[in-house]
Amino acid sequence: MDFLLAVVSTPIIFGCYLWYRKIEAGRSRGERVSKKWRELSVKNRIVIIAAFLPAAFLLYSFVGTLFVRLVLINLPLMPSSPVKFIWAAAFAGVGSTYSIAILSPRVPPKMSDR
């Protein structure tokens, strides 16, 4: 079952990478513009903070695993299997890519382009 869950999360991570590359290509072509944190609405700020929570958990899990293996300390909320690390990475990828999409909105086309 763990292998199946790991295999299912791989297309999610790959899809996030493709989505990120599409956003970056749009930025380089001038179709997207970068926004500052101050320019975002409160709703978008909350969404971005919530989107980075899986990344924070992934970082906590990674550092916690190092401490557990080196110092033999038990930390709360540690994932019990590597599959949970993979799923945390998948959710972190989705969250960070969605945040980049919020921070890089599309530029409306000019009237002369139509």
Protein backbone atom coordinates (compact mmCIF):
# COMPACT_ATOMS: atom_id res chain seq x y z
CA MET A 1 0.00 0.00 0.00
CA ASP A 2 2.86 2.38 0.79
CA PHE A 3 4.37 1.82 -2.64
CA LEU A 4 1.03 2.61 -4.30
CA LEU A 5 0.69 5.85 -2.35
CA ALA A 6 4.22 6.86 -3.28
CA VAL A 7 3.57 6.13 -6.96
CA VAL A 8 0.33 8.13 -6.93
CA SER A 9 2.06 11.21 -5.47
CA THR A 10 4.74 11.28 -8.17
CA PRO A 11 2.46 12.72 -10.91
CA ILE A 12 1.32 15.38 -8.44
CA ILE A 13 4.89 16.52 -7.88
CA PHE A 14 5.65 16.39 -11.62
CA GLY A 15 2.45 18.34 -12.39
CA CYS A 16 3.48 21.05 -9.93
CA TYR A 17 6.85 21.32 -11.63
CA LEU A 18 5.17 21.73 -15.05
CA TRP A 19 2.75 24.31 -13.62
CA TYR A 20 5.66 26.25 -12.15
CA ARG A 21 7.53 26.19 -15.48
CA LYS A 22 4.40 27.47 -17.26
CA ILE A 23 4.14 30.37 -14.81
CA GLU A 24 7.82 31.22 -15.22
CA ALA A 25 7.49 31.10 -19.02
CA GLY A 26 4.54 33.50 -18.78
CA ARG A 27 6.62 35.85 -16.64
CA SER A 28 9.47 35.87 -19.15
CA ARG A 29 7.06 36.59 -22.03
CA GLY A 30 5.45 39.42 -20.09
CA GLU A 31 2.05 37.69 -19.75
CA ARG A 32 2.37 37.68 -15.95
CA VAL A 33 3.52 40.34 -13.52
CA SER A 34 4.97 39.92 -10.04
CA LYS A 35 3.02 41.23 -7.05
CA LYS A 36 4.41 42.37 -3.73
CA TRP A 37 3.12 41.01 -0.42
CA ARG A 38 1.63 44.41 0.46
CA GLU A 39 -0.44 44.45 -2.73
CA LEU A 40 -2.28 41.21 -1.86
CA SER A 41 -5.71 41.07 -0.29
CA VAL A 42 -6.14 39.55 3.16
CA LYS A 43 -7.79 36.47 1.62
CA ASN A 44 -4.81 35.84 -0.66
CA ARG A 45 -2.39 36.34 2.23
CA ILE A 46 -4.24 33.73 4.29
CA VAL A 47 -4.26 31.32 1.34
CA ILE A 48 -0.51 31.74 0.84
CA ILE A 49 0.22 31.19 4.53
CA ALA A 50 -1.98 28.07 4.53
CA ALA A 51 -0.31 26.84 1.33
CA PHE A 52 3.12 26.94 2.95
CA LEU A 53 2.06 24.96 6.04
CA PRO A 54 2.85 21.58 4.39
CA ALA A 55 6.29 22.90 3.48
CA ALA A 56 6.85 23.91 7.10
CA PHE A 57 5.74 20.45 8.23
CA LEU A 58 8.11 18.87 5.72
CA LEU A 59 10.99 20.94 7.03
CA TYR A 60 10.04 20.08 10.63
CA SER A 61 9.89 16.38 9.72
CA PHE A 62 13.26 16.46 8.00
CA VAL A 63 15.03 18.26 10.84
CA GLY A 64 13.18 16.15 13.40
CA THR A 65 14.30 12.97 11.69
CA LEU A 66 17.90 14.13 11.87
CA PHE A 67 17.53 14.86 15.58
CA VAL A 68 15.84 11.53 16.22
CA ARG A 69 18.61 9.62 14.45
CA LEU A 70 21.51 11.59 15.89
CA VAL A 71 20.42 12.36 19.45
CA LEU A 72 17.66 9.81 20.00
CA ILE A 73 15.03 12.40 20.90
CA ASN A 74 11.35 11.70 20.27
CA LEU A 75 9.51 14.67 18.81
CA PRO A 76 5.73 14.98 18.50
CA LEU A 77 3.97 14.72 15.12
CA MET A 78 6.79 12.86 13.41
CA PRO A 79 5.69 10.92 10.35
CA SER A 80 5.94 7.18 10.83
CA SER A 81 6.70 6.23 7.23
CA PRO A 82 8.57 7.67 4.24
CA VAL A 83 5.30 7.82 2.31
CA LYS A 84 4.12 10.60 4.61
CA PHE A 85 7.26 12.53 3.69
CA ILE A 86 6.44 12.06 0.02
CA TRP A 87 2.86 13.23 0.49
CA ALA A 88 4.06 16.23 2.52
CA ALA A 89 6.40 17.04 -0.38
CA ALA A 90 3.50 16.72 -2.84
CA PHE A 91 1.28 19.04 -0.80
CA ALA A 92 4.18 21.45 -0.32
CA GLY A 93 4.71 21.49 -4.08
CA VAL A 94 1.04 22.20 -4.75
CA GLY A 95 0.97 24.91 -2.10
CA SER A 96 4.10 26.68 -3.22
CA THR A 97 3.14 26.55 -6.88
CA TYR A 98 -0.34 27.88 -6.07
CA SER A 99 1.28 30.69 -4.09
CA ILE A 100 3.48 31.56 -7.05
CA ALA A 101 0.36 31.62 -9.24
CA ILE A 102 -1.30 34.06 -6.82
CA LEU A 103 1.82 36.24 -6.71
CA SER A 104 2.06 36.27 -10.52
CA PRO A 105 -1.36 37.21 -11.92
CA ARG A 106 -1.96 37.44 -15.64
CA VAL A 107 -1.71 40.84 -17.27
CA PRO A 108 -4.97 41.77 -19.04
CA PRO A 109 -4.50 42.04 -22.82
CA LYS A 110 -4.35 45.50 -24.31
CA MET A 111 -7.12 46.70 -26.58
CA SER A 112 -4.70 46.95 -29.53
CA ASP A 113 -3.85 43.24 -29.21
CA ARG A 114 -7.40 42.09 -29.91
